[in-house]
Structure formats: C-alpha cells, structure tokens
Amino acid sequence: MTTQQKLPIVYTIRGCDACTKLMNKWNAEGIAYEERRAELDQKTYDEAISYGHTVPIVVYPDGHVEEGFEGGIGCYII
C-alpha cells in the first residue's frame, strides 16, 4: 500500500460469490474502489496474500484490512 492510496483496494477472484456481492453493494451505494483480480498475475496475487488468504480482501486507505464480506467467508486463494 502506498501513502497516496485514496480508494479502498478490493482483491477479488473470478467466480467468488462474496466478491460479487461486495462489489454489487458498493456499486449500488456509489462507493468508489479499485478492484485487483488476484488470479490475473503473480504480482497482484502476492499482494493479496500478503493481506490474507480469503477474498474479497479490502485494504482501506488508512491501512485497515478486512477479509470476506458482511461476516461471511469468501473464496480461499491458496
């Protein structure tokens, strides 16, 4: 995470129901975020697992990290 981060970063993988639910909810509420798909390249995957092992992983601008969505378990990425 850089000190310039302005939006929450959401690490996702294709086919993850919890990831889709989080993004659908945030889109409906007008919450801006940056999606990073962990399965698309090694660098993004490595970033994601540095924060946790269950997507969605949300990294907020203040450094706070959350795994899963609304108390539910998402998809394991390792």
N, C-alpha and C. Protein backbone atom coordinates (compact mmCIF):
# COMPACT_ATOMS: atom_id res chain seq x y z
N MET A 1 0.84 -1.18 0.00
CA MET A 1 0.00 0.00 0.00
C MET A 1 0.88 1.24 0.00
N THR A 2 0.54 2.19 -0.84
CA THR A 2 1.29 3.43 -0.87
C THR A 2 0.60 4.46 0.00
N THR A 3 1.37 5.48 0.38
CA THR A 3 0.79 6.54 1.20
C THR A 3 -0.19 7.39 0.40
N GLN A 4 -0.18 7.28 -0.93
CA GLN A 4 -1.06 8.05 -1.80
C GLN A 4 -2.40 7.37 -2.05
N GLN A 5 -2.63 6.20 -1.48
CA GLN A 5 -3.86 5.45 -1.73
C GLN A 5 -5.07 6.26 -1.29
N LYS A 6 -5.99 6.50 -2.19
CA LYS A 6 -7.18 7.28 -1.89
C LYS A 6 -8.44 6.44 -1.81
N LEU A 7 -8.47 5.31 -2.50
CA LEU A 7 -9.64 4.44 -2.55
C LEU A 7 -9.34 3.11 -1.87
N PRO A 8 -10.38 2.45 -1.36
CA PRO A 8 -10.16 1.09 -0.88
C PRO A 8 -9.75 0.21 -2.06
N ILE A 9 -8.84 -0.72 -1.81
CA ILE A 9 -8.45 -1.70 -2.81
C ILE A 9 -9.15 -3.00 -2.46
N VAL A 10 -9.84 -3.59 -3.43
CA VAL A 10 -10.56 -4.83 -3.22
C VAL A 10 -9.91 -5.92 -4.06
N TYR A 11 -9.30 -6.89 -3.39
CA TYR A 11 -8.72 -8.04 -4.08
C TYR A 11 -9.82 -9.08 -4.28
N THR A 12 -9.98 -9.55 -5.51
CA THR A 12 -11.03 -10.48 -5.86
C THR A 12 -10.46 -11.61 -6.72
N ILE A 13 -11.28 -12.63 -6.93
CA ILE A 13 -11.01 -13.63 -7.96
C ILE A 13 -12.31 -13.89 -8.71
N ARG A 14 -12.18 -14.30 -9.95
CA ARG A 14 -13.35 -14.60 -10.77
C ARG A 14 -14.12 -15.76 -10.14
N GLY A 15 -15.43 -15.67 -10.14
CA GLY A 15 -16.28 -16.73 -9.63
C GLY A 15 -16.53 -16.70 -8.14
N CYS A 16 -16.01 -15.71 -7.45
CA CYS A 16 -16.21 -15.61 -6.00
C CYS A 16 -17.52 -14.86 -5.73
N ASP A 17 -18.48 -15.58 -5.16
CA ASP A 17 -19.80 -15.00 -4.88
C ASP A 17 -19.72 -13.84 -3.91
N ALA A 18 -18.89 -13.98 -2.87
CA ALA A 18 -18.75 -12.90 -1.88
C ALA A 18 -18.15 -11.65 -2.51
N CYS A 19 -17.20 -11.83 -3.43
CA CYS A 19 -16.60 -10.68 -4.13
C CYS A 19 -17.67 -9.95 -4.94
N THR A 20 -18.48 -10.72 -5.67
CA THR A 20 -19.54 -10.13 -6.49
C THR A 20 -20.54 -9.38 -5.63
N LYS A 21 -20.93 -9.98 -4.50
CA LYS A 21 -21.89 -9.31 -3.61
C LYS A 21 -21.33 -8.01 -3.07
N LEU A 22 -20.07 -8.00 -2.66
CA LEU A 22 -19.47 -6.78 -2.13
C LEU A 22 -19.46 -5.69 -3.21
N MET A 23 -18.98 -6.05 -4.40
CA MET A 23 -18.89 -5.03 -5.46
C MET A 23 -20.27 -4.55 -5.90
N ASN A 24 -21.25 -5.45 -5.98
CA ASN A 24 -22.61 -5.03 -6.33
C ASN A 24 -23.17 -4.07 -5.29
N LYS A 25 -22.95 -4.36 -4.01
CA LYS A 25 -23.44 -3.48 -2.96
C LYS A 25 -22.76 -2.12 -3.02
N TRP A 26 -21.43 -2.13 -3.12
CA TRP A 26 -20.71 -0.86 -3.17
C TRP A 26 -21.07 -0.06 -4.42
N ASN A 27 -21.23 -0.73 -5.56
CA ASN A 27 -21.63 -0.02 -6.78
C ASN A 27 -23.00 0.62 -6.59
N ALA A 28 -23.94 -0.10 -6.00
CA ALA A 28 -25.28 0.42 -5.78
C ALA A 28 -25.26 1.61 -4.82
N GLU A 29 -24.33 1.59 -3.86
CA GLU A 29 -24.23 2.67 -2.88
C GLU A 29 -23.33 3.81 -3.34
N GLY A 30 -22.72 3.66 -4.53
CA GLY A 30 -21.85 4.71 -5.05
C GLY A 30 -20.50 4.78 -4.37
N ILE A 31 -20.06 3.68 -3.75
CA ILE A 31 -18.76 3.65 -3.08
C ILE A 31 -17.68 3.34 -4.11
N ALA A 32 -16.73 4.23 -4.25
CA ALA A 32 -15.63 4.03 -5.20
C ALA A 32 -14.57 3.11 -4.60
N TYR A 33 -13.98 2.27 -5.44
CA TYR A 33 -12.94 1.35 -5.01
C TYR A 33 -12.11 0.96 -6.23
N GLU A 34 -10.97 0.36 -5.96
CA GLU A 34 -10.13 -0.18 -7.03
C GLU A 34 -10.13 -1.70 -6.90
N GLU A 35 -10.59 -2.38 -7.93
CA GLU A 35 -10.59 -3.84 -7.92
C GLU A 35 -9.26 -4.35 -8.47
N ARG A 36 -8.69 -5.33 -7.79
CA ARG A 36 -7.49 -6.01 -8.26
C ARG A 36 -7.77 -7.51 -8.26
N ARG A 37 -7.74 -8.10 -9.44
CA ARG A 37 -8.02 -9.52 -9.60
C ARG A 37 -6.78 -10.34 -9.30
N ALA A 38 -6.82 -11.09 -8.22
CA ALA A 38 -5.64 -11.81 -7.72
C ALA A 38 -5.19 -12.94 -8.63
N GLU A 39 -6.09 -13.49 -9.46
CA GLU A 39 -5.70 -14.62 -10.29
C GLU A 39 -5.09 -14.20 -11.64
N LEU A 40 -5.04 -12.92 -11.92
CA LEU A 40 -4.59 -12.49 -13.24
C LEU A 40 -3.08 -12.37 -13.39
N ASP A 41 -2.38 -12.09 -12.30
CA ASP A 41 -0.92 -12.04 -12.40
C ASP A 41 -0.28 -12.29 -11.04
N GLN A 42 0.95 -12.70 -11.07
CA GLN A 42 1.65 -13.10 -9.84
C GLN A 42 1.83 -11.94 -8.87
N LYS A 43 2.12 -10.75 -9.39
CA LYS A 43 2.33 -9.60 -8.51
C LYS A 43 1.07 -9.29 -7.70
N THR A 44 -0.07 -9.28 -8.35
CA THR A 44 -1.32 -8.99 -7.66
C THR A 44 -1.67 -10.10 -6.69
N TYR A 45 -1.43 -11.35 -7.08
CA TYR A 45 -1.65 -12.49 -6.18
C TYR A 45 -0.78 -12.35 -4.93
N ASP A 46 0.50 -12.03 -5.12
CA ASP A 46 1.41 -11.87 -3.99
C ASP A 46 0.96 -10.74 -3.06
N GLU A 47 0.48 -9.63 -3.65
CA GLU A 47 -0.04 -8.53 -2.84
C GLU A 47 -1.23 -9.02 -2.01
N ALA A 48 -2.15 -9.73 -2.64
CA ALA A 48 -3.36 -10.18 -1.96
C ALA A 48 -3.02 -11.09 -0.78
N ILE A 49 -2.14 -12.07 -1.00
CA ILE A 49 -1.85 -13.00 0.10
C ILE A 49 -0.99 -12.36 1.19
N SER A 50 -0.41 -11.20 0.91
CA SER A 50 0.29 -10.50 1.99
C SER A 50 -0.70 -9.92 3.00
N TYR A 51 -1.97 -9.79 2.60
CA TYR A 51 -3.02 -9.26 3.48
C TYR A 51 -3.91 -10.35 4.07
N GLY A 52 -4.05 -11.47 3.38
CA GLY A 52 -4.93 -12.53 3.85
C GLY A 52 -5.04 -13.63 2.82
N HIS A 53 -5.87 -14.61 3.13
CA HIS A 53 -6.00 -15.76 2.25
C HIS A 53 -7.43 -16.02 1.79
N THR A 54 -8.33 -15.11 2.10
CA THR A 54 -9.73 -15.25 1.71
C THR A 54 -10.21 -13.97 1.07
N VAL A 55 -10.57 -14.02 -0.22
CA VAL A 55 -11.11 -12.85 -0.88
C VAL A 55 -12.62 -12.80 -0.67
N PRO A 56 -13.26 -11.66 -0.73
CA PRO A 56 -12.61 -10.39 -1.01
C PRO A 56 -11.74 -9.93 0.17
N ILE A 57 -10.64 -9.31 -0.19
CA ILE A 57 -9.78 -8.66 0.78
C ILE A 57 -9.86 -7.17 0.48
N VAL A 58 -10.26 -6.39 1.47
CA VAL A 58 -10.38 -4.95 1.30
C VAL A 58 -9.28 -4.28 2.12
N VAL A 59 -8.48 -3.47 1.43
CA VAL A 59 -7.44 -2.68 2.09
C VAL A 59 -7.88 -1.22 2.01
N TYR A 60 -8.22 -0.66 3.16
CA TYR A 60 -8.69 0.71 3.21
C TYR A 60 -7.52 1.69 3.21
N PRO A 61 -7.75 2.93 2.79
CA PRO A 61 -6.66 3.92 2.74
C PRO A 61 -5.93 4.11 4.07
N ASP A 62 -6.61 3.88 5.19
CA ASP A 62 -5.95 4.04 6.49
C ASP A 62 -5.13 2.82 6.90
N GLY A 63 -5.11 1.77 6.04
CA GLY A 63 -4.34 0.57 6.31
C GLY A 63 -5.14 -0.57 6.91
N HIS A 64 -6.38 -0.31 7.33
CA HIS A 64 -7.24 -1.35 7.88
C HIS A 64 -7.54 -2.39 6.80
N VAL A 65 -7.50 -3.67 7.16
CA VAL A 65 -7.73 -4.76 6.21
C VAL A 65 -8.89 -5.62 6.70
N GLU A 66 -9.79 -5.98 5.79
CA GLU A 66 -10.90 -6.88 6.08
C GLU A 66 -10.90 -8.02 5.07
N GLU A 67 -11.18 -9.24 5.54
CA GLU A 67 -11.34 -10.39 4.66
C GLU A 67 -12.79 -10.82 4.69
N GLY A 68 -13.29 -11.28 3.55
CA GLY A 68 -14.68 -11.73 3.46
C GLY A 68 -15.62 -10.56 3.26
N PHE A 69 -16.92 -10.84 3.39
CA PHE A 69 -17.91 -9.80 3.18
C PHE A 69 -19.08 -10.02 4.14
N GLU A 70 -19.40 -8.98 4.90
CA GLU A 70 -20.51 -8.98 5.85
C GLU A 70 -20.47 -10.21 6.76
N GLY A 71 -19.29 -10.51 7.27
CA GLY A 71 -19.12 -11.61 8.20
C GLY A 71 -19.04 -12.98 7.56
N GLY A 72 -19.24 -13.06 6.25
CA GLY A 72 -19.20 -14.34 5.55
C GLY A 72 -17.82 -14.63 5.00
N ILE A 73 -17.54 -15.90 4.84
CA ILE A 73 -16.26 -16.32 4.26
C ILE A 73 -16.36 -16.25 2.75
N GLY A 74 -15.34 -15.70 2.15
CA GLY A 74 -15.28 -15.63 0.70
C GLY A 74 -14.63 -16.87 0.13
N CYS A 75 -13.75 -16.68 -0.84
CA CYS A 75 -13.06 -17.77 -1.51
C CYS A 75 -11.59 -17.78 -1.12
N TYR A 76 -11.08 -18.95 -0.82
CA TYR A 76 -9.66 -19.07 -0.49
C TYR A 76 -8.81 -18.92 -1.74
N ILE A 77 -7.68 -18.24 -1.61
CA ILE A 77 -6.82 -18.00 -2.77
C ILE A 77 -5.54 -18.80 -2.72
N ILE A 78 -5.35 -19.65 -1.70
CA ILE A 78 -4.19 -20.54 -1.71
C ILE A 78 -4.63 -21.95 -1.39
